[in-house]
Amino acid sequence: MPVYVLNVTYPLVASEFLEFCEGKDEILVVEEGQPEFIEQALSTFLYRAGSGVRLRGKDIFPMAGEYTGQVMLDAVGRFLREAAPGMLPAAALAPNLPKPAIPDLSRTVPIRPPGFCVGCPERPIFAAMKLVEKELGKHQISADIGCHLFASLPPFEIGGATMGYGLGPAANGAFDGGGERRPVAIIGDGGFWHNGLSSSFGNMAFNKSDGVAIVVDNFYSAATGGQDVLSSRGENPTKMTRHPIAKALKGVGIDWVRQVDRTYDVGRMRAVIREALTTKEAGPKVIVASSECMLNKQRRERPQRAQAIREGRRVEAPRFGVDEAVCTGDHACIRLSGCPSLSLKKLDDPLRDDPVASIDQGCVGCGNCGEVADAAVLCPSFYRADVVHNPTPWEARVASWRGRVIGWLQSRRQARRLSFEGVS
């Protein structure tokens, strides 16, 4: 069957659609959602052209709900049985055709809830907020549109109330009335420049707010694909960038501004947030938490790193791991981090029932897991290893010596361990 794919759904091109319909008796419109705007427009095209083509759509497909695989199978099967039965085998024309069994994938496919990317610089901000919350108690937290809204989901569950793009701090105006605890608002750099500078921060300055706002500055409008904004750090030949957010805040009259240039420093983030919530200084308090979006950073650096390796240049790539002998298995690091690359591993040890934390191959070496463990005074089981590509001759020689010594120590330790093999 020929397929007409609407890569652009507005405006619809009548001449192109009518050309597609030539020589056909019936067409099926697959349009998820309601009302059926596209189907109505295409019906109008056919009517005005005096076409005899029969248009099918919501009379076969359900009006609402997701078009799952089963919904598509049922609807397309019905359309073919009614419009083109010759295209189907005889068995498919049976009136009570049994539905094919769809396997239950929930047992084999892991759950993949929405969340921050691996290495996202926003994750340590909310880990620091959880640590402060444990110390000072819960606060009213207003969120905004952007990647940081993932913090409203587990494991953080921070900032669920969202009013609109750039309106996070403005939404907290109703709670900024001299209560026992200061309200906290979260806004991204995209929302800041969208209308947050006037609607939110101009409002905070004008009304002499005593609340706290955290600007999550990842250098881009990251949630919509990584477009540059006024405060982006890179050079853009067609746009004006490199305008500091802190400078704009000073310009509207906000004096208490703290700039954090590395959000992965969880201890520093926690200290600044605690200071903002406990200082006796009146007026609005704004924290600008800046680190580059890891997705954009990887898009830029991975090709450069791969090219350097191909050319034989020395390249270091940080990787993190967990010492299984030190990890206690309480999984507090996972609850405070939530990184997709930080998972669980079952040990082949009959004396240890609980799985330990483990870092998989998706790790990008941001170091957030270790920083969180250090700031929260968790077990010191995280370690960093620098993977060296194209090492120098001296580095290769040293690595060989180290490997021999480590291998000897491991074999000696293994010989002294109790063995449970063959014990029933």
Foldseek 3Di string as FASTA:
>chain_A
DDDDDCPDVPPDDLVVLVVVCPPHQEDEDEDAEDDPVSQVVNVVSCVVVVHNRHYHYCVQQPHHDDCDPVSVCRRVLVCCLVRPVVVDDPQSNDPCRDDDDDDDCPVPDDDDDDAAAFLFLLLLLLLLVVVLCVVPNDAAEAEEDARNCRCCDPPRVGHPHYDYQLCFQVVCPVVQDPDPWAYEGEHEPVSCVVCNLCNHLLVQQVVQGLHEYEYEYQQASVRVPGHGDQAHDDDDPVDHHNDDPVVSSVVSPADAEAEAARSLQSLVSNVLVNCSTPPPDTGYHYYYYYHHGVVVVCVPVVVVQVVCLVVLHKDKFKDKWFAPVFFPQPCVLCSSRVRPQWDWDDDPDPVDGHTGITGDPSHRRSCSSQSSCVNVVHTNGMDMDIDIRNDDPVVVVVVVVVVVVVVVVVVVVVVPDDDCPPPD
